[in-house]
Each structure stands twice: as structure tokens, then as C-alpha cells.
Amino acid sequence: LDIDPGTAVGTTGIPSGDLVTIVGNLLDNAIDAALTGEPPREVH
């Protein structure tokens, strides 16, 4: 899992539960999709 060096997130006021739902599900799907591909298996 590669976290872009340009990632910068301050206080957004967005509910933390919604952030977890959005980012967590997108990353879970991306990890599952990467496992179906050829090495190197990466998520950005």
C-alpha cells in the first residue's frame, strides 16, 4: 500500500465515520483487486 508523498489532510469537519466508510471500503476493494493481478501487487 503506497501512500502518496503529497498526501496532506488537515481538519476537514467531515464525520470520521464517513471517512472510514469511504477510504476503508475503497482500500479493501483495491487490495482485493490487486491480489487478482500479476506481481508486483500494489495499491496507490
ModelCIF file with pLDDT and N, C-alpha, C, O atoms, coordinates in Angstrom:
data_MODEL
#
_entry.id   MODEL 
#
_entity.id                         1 
_entity.type                       polymer 
_entity.pdbx_number_of_molecules   1 
#
_entity_poly.entity_id                      1 
_entity_poly.type                           'polypeptide(L)' 
_entity_poly.nstd_linkage                   no 
_entity_poly.nstd_monomer                   no 
_entity_poly.pdbx_seq_one_letter_code       LDIDPGTAVGTTGIPSGDLVTIVGNLLDNAIDAALTGEPPREVH 
_entity_poly.pdbx_seq_one_letter_code_can   LDIDPGTAVGTTGIPSGDLVTIVGNLLDNAIDAALTGEPPREVH 
_entity_poly.pdbx_strand_id                 A 
#
loop_
_entity_poly_seq.entity_id 
_entity_poly_seq.num 
_entity_poly_seq.mon_id 
_entity_poly_seq.hetero 
1 1  LEU n 
1 2  ASP n 
1 3  ILE n 
1 4  ASP n 
1 5  PRO n 
1 6  GLY n 
1 7  THR n 
1 8  ALA n 
1 9  VAL n 
1 10 GLY n 
1 11 THR n 
1 12 THR n 
1 13 GLY n 
1 14 ILE n 
1 15 PRO n 
1 16 SER n 
1 17 GLY n 
1 18 ASP n 
1 19 LEU n 
1 20 VAL n 
1 21 THR n 
1 22 ILE n 
1 23 VAL n 
1 24 GLY n 
1 25 ASN n 
1 26 LEU n 
1 27 LEU n 
1 28 ASP n 
1 29 ASN n 
1 30 ALA n 
1 31 ILE n 
1 32 ASP n 
1 33 ALA n 
1 34 ALA n 
1 35 LEU n 
1 36 THR n 
1 37 GLY n 
1 38 GLU n 
1 39 PRO n 
1 40 PRO n 
1 41 ARG n 
1 42 GLU n 
1 43 VAL n 
1 44 HIS n 
#
_struct_asym.id          A 
_struct_asym.entity_id   1 
#
loop_
_ma_qa_metric.id 
_ma_qa_metric.mode 
_ma_qa_metric.name 
_ma_qa_metric.software_group_id 
_ma_qa_metric.type 
1 global pLDDT . pLDDT 
2 local  pLDDT . pLDDT 
#
_ma_qa_metric_global.metric_id      1 
_ma_qa_metric_global.metric_value   86.68 
_ma_qa_metric_global.model_id       1 
_ma_qa_metric_global.ordinal_id     1 
#
loop_
_ma_qa_metric_local.label_asym_id 
_ma_qa_metric_local.label_comp_id 
_ma_qa_metric_local.label_seq_id 
_ma_qa_metric_local.metric_id 
_ma_qa_metric_local.metric_value 
_ma_qa_metric_local.model_id 
_ma_qa_metric_local.ordinal_id 
A LEU 1  2 89.00 1 1  
A ASP 2  2 89.00 1 2  
A ILE 3  2 88.00 1 3  
A ASP 4  2 89.00 1 4  
A PRO 5  2 86.00 1 5  
A GLY 6  2 86.00 1 6  
A THR 7  2 87.00 1 7  
A ALA 8  2 86.00 1 8  
A VAL 9  2 86.00 1 9  
A GLY 10 2 83.00 1 10 
A THR 11 2 82.00 1 11 
A THR 12 2 83.00 1 12 
A GLY 13 2 82.00 1 13 
A ILE 14 2 85.00 1 14 
A PRO 15 2 82.00 1 15 
A SER 16 2 79.00 1 16 
A GLY 17 2 77.00 1 17 
A ASP 18 2 82.00 1 18 
A LEU 19 2 86.00 1 19 
A VAL 20 2 84.00 1 20 
A THR 21 2 84.00 1 21 
A ILE 22 2 89.00 1 22 
A VAL 23 2 90.00 1 23 
A GLY 24 2 87.00 1 24 
A ASN 25 2 88.00 1 25 
A LEU 26 2 91.00 1 26 
A LEU 27 2 91.00 1 27 
A ASP 28 2 88.00 1 28 
A ASN 29 2 88.00 1 29 
A ALA 30 2 90.00 1 30 
A ILE 31 2 90.00 1 31 
A ASP 32 2 88.00 1 32 
A ALA 33 2 88.00 1 33 
A ALA 34 2 89.00 1 34 
A LEU 35 2 88.00 1 35 
A THR 36 2 86.00 1 36 
A GLY 37 2 84.00 1 37 
A GLU 38 2 85.00 1 38 
A PRO 39 2 85.00 1 39 
A PRO 40 2 87.00 1 40 
A ARG 41 2 90.00 1 41 
A GLU 42 2 92.00 1 42 
A VAL 43 2 92.00 1 43 
A HIS 44 2 93.00 1 44 
#
loop_
_atom_site.group_PDB 
_atom_site.id 
_atom_site.type_symbol 
_atom_site.label_atom_id 
_atom_site.label_alt_id 
_atom_site.label_comp_id 
_atom_site.label_asym_id 
_atom_site.label_entity_id 
_atom_site.label_seq_id 
_atom_site.pdbx_PDB_ins_code 
_atom_site.Cartn_x 
_atom_site.Cartn_y 
_atom_site.Cartn_z 
_atom_site.occupancy 
_atom_site.B_iso_or_equiv 
_atom_site.pdbx_formal_charge 
_atom_site.auth_seq_id 
_atom_site.auth_comp_id 
_atom_site.auth_asym_id 
_atom_site.auth_atom_id 
_atom_site.pdbx_PDB_model_num 
ATOM 1   N N  . LEU A 1 1  ? 0.850   -1.179  0.000   1.00 89.00 ? 1  LEU A N  1 
ATOM 2   C CA . LEU A 1 1  ? 0.000   0.000   0.000   1.00 89.00 ? 1  LEU A CA 1 
ATOM 3   C C  . LEU A 1 1  ? 0.889   1.234   0.000   1.00 89.00 ? 1  LEU A C  1 
ATOM 4   O O  . LEU A 1 1  ? 1.582   1.518   0.977   1.00 89.00 ? 1  LEU A O  1 
ATOM 5   N N  . ASP A 1 2  ? 0.859   1.955   -1.100  1.00 89.00 ? 2  ASP A N  1 
ATOM 6   C CA . ASP A 1 2  ? 1.718   3.122   -1.268  1.00 89.00 ? 2  ASP A CA 1 
ATOM 7   C C  . ASP A 1 2  ? 0.900   4.382   -0.995  1.00 89.00 ? 2  ASP A C  1 
ATOM 8   O O  . ASP A 1 2  ? -0.054  4.687   -1.712  1.00 89.00 ? 2  ASP A O  1 
ATOM 9   N N  . ILE A 1 3  ? 1.290   5.106   0.051   1.00 88.00 ? 3  ILE A N  1 
ATOM 10  C CA . ILE A 1 3  ? 0.633   6.370   0.378   1.00 88.00 ? 3  ILE A CA 1 
ATOM 11  C C  . ILE A 1 3  ? 1.429   7.479   -0.284  1.00 88.00 ? 3  ILE A C  1 
ATOM 12  O O  . ILE A 1 3  ? 2.612   7.669   0.002   1.00 88.00 ? 3  ILE A O  1 
ATOM 13  N N  . ASP A 1 4  ? 0.777   8.200   -1.159  1.00 89.00 ? 4  ASP A N  1 
ATOM 14  C CA . ASP A 1 4  ? 1.458   9.227   -1.952  1.00 89.00 ? 4  ASP A CA 1 
ATOM 15  C C  . ASP A 1 4  ? 2.142   10.239  -1.043  1.00 89.00 ? 4  ASP A C  1 
ATOM 16  O O  . ASP A 1 4  ? 1.549   10.675  -0.056  1.00 89.00 ? 4  ASP A O  1 
ATOM 17  N N  . PRO A 1 5  ? 3.386   10.624  -1.358  1.00 86.00 ? 5  PRO A N  1 
ATOM 18  C CA . PRO A 1 5  ? 4.092   11.615  -0.526  1.00 86.00 ? 5  PRO A CA 1 
ATOM 19  C C  . PRO A 1 5  ? 3.366   12.951  -0.466  1.00 86.00 ? 5  PRO A C  1 
ATOM 20  O O  . PRO A 1 5  ? 3.555   13.718  0.478   1.00 86.00 ? 5  PRO A O  1 
ATOM 21  N N  . GLY A 1 6  ? 2.537   13.235  -1.466  1.00 86.00 ? 6  GLY A N  1 
ATOM 22  C CA . GLY A 1 6  ? 1.811   14.504  -1.466  1.00 86.00 ? 6  GLY A CA 1 
ATOM 23  C C  . GLY A 1 6  ? 0.550   14.493  -0.630  1.00 86.00 ? 6  GLY A C  1 
ATOM 24  O O  . GLY A 1 6  ? -0.164  15.495  -0.585  1.00 86.00 ? 6  GLY A O  1 
ATOM 25  N N  . THR A 1 7  ? 0.253   13.380  0.039   1.00 87.00 ? 7  THR A N  1 
ATOM 26  C CA . THR A 1 7  ? -0.964  13.296  0.867   1.00 87.00 ? 7  THR A CA 1 
ATOM 27  C C  . THR A 1 7  ? -0.871  14.277  2.030   1.00 87.00 ? 7  THR A C  1 
ATOM 28  O O  . THR A 1 7  ? 0.095   14.265  2.794   1.00 87.00 ? 7  THR A O  1 
ATOM 29  N N  . ALA A 1 8  ? -1.876  15.114  2.151   1.00 86.00 ? 8  ALA A N  1 
ATOM 30  C CA . ALA A 1 8  ? -1.910  16.099  3.237   1.00 86.00 ? 8  ALA A CA 1 
ATOM 31  C C  . ALA A 1 8  ? -3.372  16.406  3.546   1.00 86.00 ? 8  ALA A C  1 
ATOM 32  O O  . ALA A 1 8  ? -4.076  17.009  2.736   1.00 86.00 ? 8  ALA A O  1 
ATOM 33  N N  . VAL A 1 9  ? -3.817  15.985  4.726   1.00 86.00 ? 9  VAL A N  1 
ATOM 34  C CA . VAL A 1 9  ? -5.208  16.182  5.125   1.00 86.00 ? 9  VAL A CA 1 
ATOM 35  C C  . VAL A 1 9  ? -5.234  16.768  6.529   1.00 86.00 ? 9  VAL A C  1 
ATOM 36  O O  . VAL A 1 9  ? -4.771  16.148  7.486   1.00 86.00 ? 9  VAL A O  1 
ATOM 37  N N  . GLY A 1 10 ? -5.788  17.984  6.634   1.00 83.00 ? 10 GLY A N  1 
ATOM 38  C CA . GLY A 1 10 ? -5.936  18.597  7.948   1.00 83.00 ? 10 GLY A CA 1 
ATOM 39  C C  . GLY A 1 10 ? -7.310  18.321  8.513   1.00 83.00 ? 10 GLY A C  1 
ATOM 40  O O  . GLY A 1 10 ? -7.897  17.275  8.235   1.00 83.00 ? 10 GLY A O  1 
ATOM 41  N N  . THR A 1 11 ? -7.829  19.238  9.298   1.00 82.00 ? 11 THR A N  1 
ATOM 42  C CA . THR A 1 11 ? -9.159  19.100  9.871   1.00 82.00 ? 11 THR A CA 1 
ATOM 43  C C  . THR A 1 11 ? -10.187 19.465  8.801   1.00 82.00 ? 11 THR A C  1 
ATOM 44  O O  . THR A 1 11 ? -10.211 20.598  8.320   1.00 82.00 ? 11 THR A O  1 
ATOM 45  N N  . THR A 1 12 ? -11.020 18.520  8.436   1.00 83.00 ? 12 THR A N  1 
ATOM 46  C CA . THR A 1 12 ? -11.978 18.744  7.343   1.00 83.00 ? 12 THR A CA 1 
ATOM 47  C C  . THR A 1 12 ? -13.402 18.953  7.828   1.00 83.00 ? 12 THR A C  1 
ATOM 48  O O  . THR A 1 12 ? -14.223 19.508  7.098   1.00 83.00 ? 12 THR A O  1 
ATOM 49  N N  . GLY A 1 13 ? -13.714 18.523  9.043   1.00 82.00 ? 13 GLY A N  1 
ATOM 50  C CA . GLY A 1 13 ? -15.094 18.618  9.514   1.00 82.00 ? 13 GLY A CA 1 
ATOM 51  C C  . GLY A 1 13 ? -15.985 17.518  8.981   1.00 82.00 ? 13 GLY A C  1 
ATOM 52  O O  . GLY A 1 13 ? -17.162 17.453  9.339   1.00 82.00 ? 13 GLY A O  1 
ATOM 53  N N  . ILE A 1 14 ? -15.457 16.653  8.137   1.00 85.00 ? 14 ILE A N  1 
ATOM 54  C CA . ILE A 1 14 ? -16.240 15.529  7.622   1.00 85.00 ? 14 ILE A CA 1 
ATOM 55  C C  . ILE A 1 14 ? -16.328 14.472  8.714   1.00 85.00 ? 14 ILE A C  1 
ATOM 56  O O  . ILE A 1 14 ? -15.310 14.154  9.328   1.00 85.00 ? 14 ILE A O  1 
ATOM 57  N N  . PRO A 1 15 ? -17.499 13.918  8.977   1.00 82.00 ? 15 PRO A N  1 
ATOM 58  C CA . PRO A 1 15 ? -17.615 12.896  10.023  1.00 82.00 ? 15 PRO A CA 1 
ATOM 59  C C  . PRO A 1 15 ? -16.602 11.777  9.832   1.00 82.00 ? 15 PRO A C  1 
ATOM 60  O O  . PRO A 1 15 ? -16.433 11.252  8.732   1.00 82.00 ? 15 PRO A O  1 
ATOM 61  N N  . SER A 1 16 ? -15.933 11.423  10.921  1.00 79.00 ? 16 SER A N  1 
ATOM 62  C CA . SER A 1 16 ? -14.897 10.398  10.820  1.00 79.00 ? 16 SER A CA 1 
ATOM 63  C C  . SER A 1 16 ? -15.470 9.062   10.368  1.00 79.00 ? 16 SER A C  1 
ATOM 64  O O  . SER A 1 16 ? -14.807 8.296   9.669   1.00 79.00 ? 16 SER A O  1 
ATOM 65  N N  . GLY A 1 17 ? -16.722 8.786   10.776  1.00 77.00 ? 17 GLY A N  1 
ATOM 66  C CA . GLY A 1 17 ? -17.329 7.525   10.333  1.00 77.00 ? 17 GLY A CA 1 
ATOM 67  C C  . GLY A 1 17 ? -17.475 7.459   8.828   1.00 77.00 ? 17 GLY A C  1 
ATOM 68  O O  . GLY A 1 17 ? -17.259 6.410   8.221   1.00 77.00 ? 17 GLY A O  1 
ATOM 69  N N  . ASP A 1 18 ? -17.850 8.600   8.215   1.00 82.00 ? 18 ASP A N  1 
ATOM 70  C CA . ASP A 1 18 ? -17.983 8.612   6.751   1.00 82.00 ? 18 ASP A CA 1 
ATOM 71  C C  . ASP A 1 18 ? -16.631 8.483   6.076   1.00 82.00 ? 18 ASP A C  1 
ATOM 72  O O  . ASP A 1 18 ? -16.515 7.819   5.046   1.00 82.00 ? 18 ASP A O  1 
ATOM 73  N N  . LEU A 1 19 ? -15.592 9.119   6.650   1.00 86.00 ? 19 LEU A N  1 
ATOM 74  C CA . LEU A 1 19 ? -14.254 8.970   6.078   1.00 86.00 ? 19 LEU A CA 1 
ATOM 75  C C  . LEU A 1 19 ? -13.786 7.523   6.136   1.00 86.00 ? 19 LEU A C  1 
ATOM 76  O O  . LEU A 1 19 ? -13.202 7.011   5.181   1.00 86.00 ? 19 LEU A O  1 
ATOM 77  N N  . VAL A 1 20 ? -14.048 6.865   7.270   1.00 84.00 ? 20 VAL A N  1 
ATOM 78  C CA . VAL A 1 20 ? -13.662 5.461   7.399   1.00 84.00 ? 20 VAL A CA 1 
ATOM 79  C C  . VAL A 1 20 ? -14.420 4.606   6.388   1.00 84.00 ? 20 VAL A C  1 
ATOM 80  O O  . VAL A 1 20 ? -13.844 3.716   5.761   1.00 84.00 ? 20 VAL A O  1 
ATOM 81  N N  . THR A 1 21 ? -15.733 4.885   6.231   1.00 84.00 ? 21 THR A N  1 
ATOM 82  C CA . THR A 1 21 ? -16.525 4.112   5.266   1.00 84.00 ? 21 THR A CA 1 
ATOM 83  C C  . THR A 1 21 ? -15.984 4.278   3.856   1.00 84.00 ? 21 THR A C  1 
ATOM 84  O O  . THR A 1 21 ? -15.820 3.300   3.128   1.00 84.00 ? 21 THR A O  1 
ATOM 85  N N  . ILE A 1 22 ? -15.706 5.523   3.472   1.00 89.00 ? 22 ILE A N  1 
ATOM 86  C CA . ILE A 1 22 ? -15.255 5.788   2.099   1.00 89.00 ? 22 ILE A CA 1 
ATOM 87  C C  . ILE A 1 22 ? -13.869 5.206   1.856   1.00 89.00 ? 22 ILE A C  1 
ATOM 88  O O  . ILE A 1 22 ? -13.686 4.407   0.939   1.00 89.00 ? 22 ILE A O  1 
ATOM 89  N N  . VAL A 1 23 ? -12.877 5.605   2.681   1.00 90.00 ? 23 VAL A N  1 
ATOM 90  C CA . VAL A 1 23 ? -11.497 5.184   2.451   1.00 90.00 ? 23 VAL A CA 1 
ATOM 91  C C  . VAL A 1 23 ? -11.323 3.692   2.713   1.00 90.00 ? 23 VAL A C  1 
ATOM 92  O O  . VAL A 1 23 ? -10.644 3.000   1.954   1.00 90.00 ? 23 VAL A O  1 
ATOM 93  N N  . GLY A 1 24 ? -11.947 3.189   3.803   1.00 87.00 ? 24 GLY A N  1 
ATOM 94  C CA . GLY A 1 24 ? -11.769 1.773   4.132   1.00 87.00 ? 24 GLY A CA 1 
ATOM 95  C C  . GLY A 1 24 ? -12.300 0.850   3.056   1.00 87.00 ? 24 GLY A C  1 
ATOM 96  O O  . GLY A 1 24 ? -11.631 -0.110  2.672   1.00 87.00 ? 24 GLY A O  1 
ATOM 97  N N  . ASN A 1 25 ? -13.509 1.134   2.563   1.00 88.00 ? 25 ASN A N  1 
ATOM 98  C CA . ASN A 1 25 ? -14.072 0.264   1.527   1.00 88.00 ? 25 ASN A CA 1 
ATOM 99  C C  . ASN A 1 25 ? -13.318 0.376   0.206   1.00 88.00 ? 25 ASN A C  1 
ATOM 100 O O  . ASN A 1 25 ? -13.131 -0.625  -0.485  1.00 88.00 ? 25 ASN A O  1 
ATOM 101 N N  . LEU A 1 26 ? -12.882 1.586   -0.152  1.00 91.00 ? 26 LEU A N  1 
ATOM 102 C CA . LEU A 1 26 ? -12.111 1.737   -1.390  1.00 91.00 ? 26 LEU A CA 1 
ATOM 103 C C  . LEU A 1 26 ? -10.778 0.984   -1.300  1.00 91.00 ? 26 LEU A C  1 
ATOM 104 O O  . LEU A 1 26 ? -10.367 0.336   -2.263  1.00 91.00 ? 26 LEU A O  1 
ATOM 105 N N  . LEU A 1 27 ? -10.104 1.068   -0.149  1.00 91.00 ? 27 LEU A N  1 
ATOM 106 C CA . LEU A 1 27 ? -8.834  0.354   0.010   1.00 91.00 ? 27 LEU A CA 1 
ATOM 107 C C  . LEU A 1 27 ? -9.045  -1.157  0.038   1.00 91.00 ? 27 LEU A C  1 
ATOM 108 O O  . LEU A 1 27 ? -8.262  -1.901  -0.552  1.00 91.00 ? 27 LEU A O  1 
ATOM 109 N N  . ASP A 1 28 ? -10.107 -1.624  0.723   1.00 88.00 ? 28 ASP A N  1 
ATOM 110 C CA . ASP A 1 28 ? -10.379 -3.073  0.746   1.00 88.00 ? 28 ASP A CA 1 
ATOM 111 C C  . ASP A 1 28 ? -10.620 -3.597  -0.658  1.00 88.00 ? 28 ASP A C  1 
ATOM 112 O O  . ASP A 1 28 ? -10.091 -4.644  -1.033  1.00 88.00 ? 28 ASP A O  1 
ATOM 113 N N  . ASN A 1 29 ? -11.421 -2.870  -1.440  1.00 88.00 ? 29 ASN A N  1 
ATOM 114 C CA . ASN A 1 29 ? -11.665 -3.312  -2.813  1.00 88.00 ? 29 ASN A CA 1 
ATOM 115 C C  . ASN A 1 29 ? -10.390 -3.289  -3.642  1.00 88.00 ? 29 ASN A C  1 
ATOM 116 O O  . ASN A 1 29 ? -10.149 -4.188  -4.448  1.00 88.00 ? 29 ASN A O  1 
ATOM 117 N N  . ALA A 1 30 ? -9.566  -2.248  -3.441  1.00 90.00 ? 30 ALA A N  1 
ATOM 118 C CA . ALA A 1 30 ? -8.326  -2.140  -4.210  1.00 90.00 ? 30 ALA A CA 1 
ATOM 119 C C  . ALA A 1 30 ? -7.360  -3.266  -3.852  1.00 90.00 ? 30 ALA A C  1 
ATOM 120 O O  . ALA A 1 30 ? -6.711  -3.828  -4.734  1.00 90.00 ? 30 ALA A O  1 
ATOM 121 N N  . ILE A 1 31 ? -7.258  -3.602  -2.552  1.00 90.00 ? 31 ILE A N  1 
ATOM 122 C CA . ILE A 1 31 ? -6.364  -4.696  -2.140  1.00 90.00 ? 31 ILE A CA 1 
ATOM 123 C C  . ILE A 1 31 ? -6.838  -6.020  -2.747  1.00 90.00 ? 31 ILE A C  1 
ATOM 124 O O  . ILE A 1 31 ? -6.036  -6.802  -3.257  1.00 90.00 ? 31 ILE A O  1 
ATOM 125 N N  . ASP A 1 32 ? -8.172  -6.261  -2.683  1.00 88.00 ? 32 ASP A N  1 
ATOM 126 C CA . ASP A 1 32 ? -8.707  -7.493  -3.281  1.00 88.00 ? 32 ASP A CA 1 
ATOM 127 C C  . ASP A 1 32 ? -8.441  -7.531  -4.778  1.00 88.00 ? 32 ASP A C  1 
ATOM 128 O O  . ASP A 1 32 ? -8.101  -8.579  -5.327  1.00 88.00 ? 32 ASP A O  1 
ATOM 129 N N  . ALA A 1 33 ? -8.598  -6.368  -5.448  1.00 88.00 ? 33 ALA A N  1 
ATOM 130 C CA . ALA A 1 33 ? -8.377  -6.335  -6.898  1.00 88.00 ? 33 ALA A CA 1 
ATOM 131 C C  . ALA A 1 33 ? -6.904  -6.543  -7.227  1.00 88.00 ? 33 ALA A C  1 
ATOM 132 O O  . ALA A 1 33 ? -6.589  -7.207  -8.215  1.00 88.00 ? 33 ALA A O  1 
ATOM 133 N N  . ALA A 1 34 ? -5.972  -5.981  -6.406  1.00 89.00 ? 34 ALA A N  1 
ATOM 134 C CA . ALA A 1 34 ? -4.552  -6.143  -6.662  1.00 89.00 ? 34 ALA A CA 1 
ATOM 135 C C  . ALA A 1 34 ? -4.124  -7.604  -6.548  1.00 89.00 ? 34 ALA A C  1 
ATOM 136 O O  . ALA A 1 34 ? -3.235  -8.056  -7.269  1.00 89.00 ? 34 ALA A O  1 
ATOM 137 N N  . LEU A 1 35 ? -4.765  -8.339  -5.636  1.00 88.00 ? 35 LEU A N  1 
ATOM 138 C CA . LEU A 1 35 ? -4.422  -9.753  -5.465  1.00 88.00 ? 35 LEU A CA 1 
ATOM 139 C C  . LEU A 1 35 ? -4.753  -10.588 -6.691  1.00 88.00 ? 35 LEU A C  1 
ATOM 140 O O  . LEU A 1 35 ? -4.187  -11.663 -6.888  1.00 88.00 ? 35 LEU A O  1 
ATOM 141 N N  . THR A 1 36 ? -5.689  -10.083 -7.532  1.00 86.00 ? 36 THR A N  1 
ATOM 142 C CA . THR A 1 36 ? -6.052  -10.840 -8.736  1.00 86.00 ? 36 THR A CA 1 
ATOM 143 C C  . THR A 1 36 ? -5.095  -10.568 -9.887  1.00 86.00 ? 36 THR A C  1 
ATOM 144 O O  . THR A 1 36 ? -5.145  -11.263 -10.902 1.00 86.00 ? 36 THR A O  1 
ATOM 145 N N  . GLY A 1 37 ? -4.216  -9.561  -9.751  1.00 84.00 ? 37 GLY A N  1 
ATOM 146 C CA . GLY A 1 37 ? -3.294  -9.208  -10.824 1.00 84.00 ? 37 GLY A CA 1 
ATOM 147 C C  . GLY A 1 37 ? -1.934  -9.886  -10.648 1.00 84.00 ? 37 GLY A C  1 
ATOM 148 O O  . GLY A 1 37 ? -1.714  -10.658 -9.715  1.00 84.00 ? 37 GLY A O  1 
ATOM 149 N N  . GLU A 1 38 ? -1.038  -9.572  -11.574 1.00 85.00 ? 38 GLU A N  1 
ATOM 150 C CA . GLU A 1 38 ? 0.312   -10.125 -11.536 1.00 85.00 ? 38 GLU A CA 1 
ATOM 151 C C  . GLU A 1 38 ? 1.199   -9.260  -10.641 1.00 85.00 ? 38 GLU A C  1 
ATOM 152 O O  . GLU A 1 38 ? 0.957   -8.061  -10.506 1.00 85.00 ? 38 GLU A O  1 
ATOM 153 N N  . PRO A 1 39 ? 2.241   -9.868  -10.019 1.00 85.00 ? 39 PRO A N  1 
ATOM 154 C CA . PRO A 1 39 ? 3.193   -9.071  -9.225  1.00 85.00 ? 39 PRO A CA 1 
ATOM 155 C C  . PRO A 1 39 ? 3.911   -8.044  -10.113 1.00 85.00 ? 39 PRO A C  1 
ATOM 156 O O  . PRO A 1 39 ? 4.080   -8.284  -11.309 1.00 85.00 ? 39 PRO A O  1 
ATOM 157 N N  . PRO A 1 40 ? 4.330   -6.922  -9.555  1.00 87.00 ? 40 PRO A N  1 
ATOM 158 C CA . PRO A 1 40 ? 4.157   -6.536  -8.146  1.00 87.00 ? 40 PRO A CA 1 
ATOM 159 C C  . PRO A 1 40 ? 2.729   -6.067  -7.885  1.00 87.00 ? 40 PRO A C  1 
ATOM 160 O O  . PRO A 1 40 ? 2.149   -5.342  -8.695  1.00 87.00 ? 40 PRO A O  1 
ATOM 161 N N  . ARG A 1 41 ? 2.167   -6.482  -6.755  1.00 90.00 ? 41 ARG A N  1 
ATOM 162 C CA . ARG A 1 41 ? 0.792   -6.129  -6.400  1.00 90.00 ? 41 ARG A CA 1 
ATOM 163 C C  . ARG A 1 41 ? 0.818   -4.872  -5.529  1.00 90.00 ? 41 ARG A C  1 
ATOM 164 O O  . ARG A 1 41 ? 1.361   -4.880  -4.424  1.00 90.00 ? 41 ARG A O  1 
ATOM 165 N N  . GLU A 1 42 ? 0.233   -3.812  -6.034  1.00 92.00 ? 42 GLU A N  1 
ATOM 166 C CA . GLU A 1 42 ? 0.321   -2.525  -5.344  1.00 92.00 ? 42 GLU A CA 1 
ATOM 167 C C  . GLU A 1 42 ? -1.030  -1.817  -5.340  1.00 92.00 ? 42 GLU A C  1 
ATOM 168 O O  . GLU A 1 42 ? -1.876  -2.025  -6.210  1.00 92.00 ? 42 GLU A O  1 
ATOM 169 N N  . VAL A 1 43 ? -1.198  -0.967  -4.317  1.00 92.00 ? 43 VAL A N  1 
ATOM 170 C CA . VAL A 1 43 ? -2.356  -0.070  -4.209  1.00 92.00 ? 43 VAL A CA 1 
ATOM 171 C C  . VAL A 1 43 ? -1.808  1.321   -3.921  1.00 92.00 ? 43 VAL A C  1 
ATOM 172 O O  . VAL A 1 43 ? -0.984  1.503   -3.025  1.00 92.00 ? 43 VAL A O  1 
ATOM 173 N N  . HIS A 1 44 ? -2.266  2.282   -4.677  1.00 93.00 ? 44 HIS A N  1 
ATOM 174 C CA . HIS A 1 44 ? -1.792  3.653   -4.506  1.00 93.00 ? 44 HIS A CA 1 
ATOM 175 C C  . HIS A 1 44 ? -2.923  4.505   -3.916  1.00 93.00 ? 44 HIS A C  1 
ATOM 176 O O  . HIS A 1 44 ? -2.741  5.701   -3.688  1.00 93.00 ? 44 HIS A O  1 
#
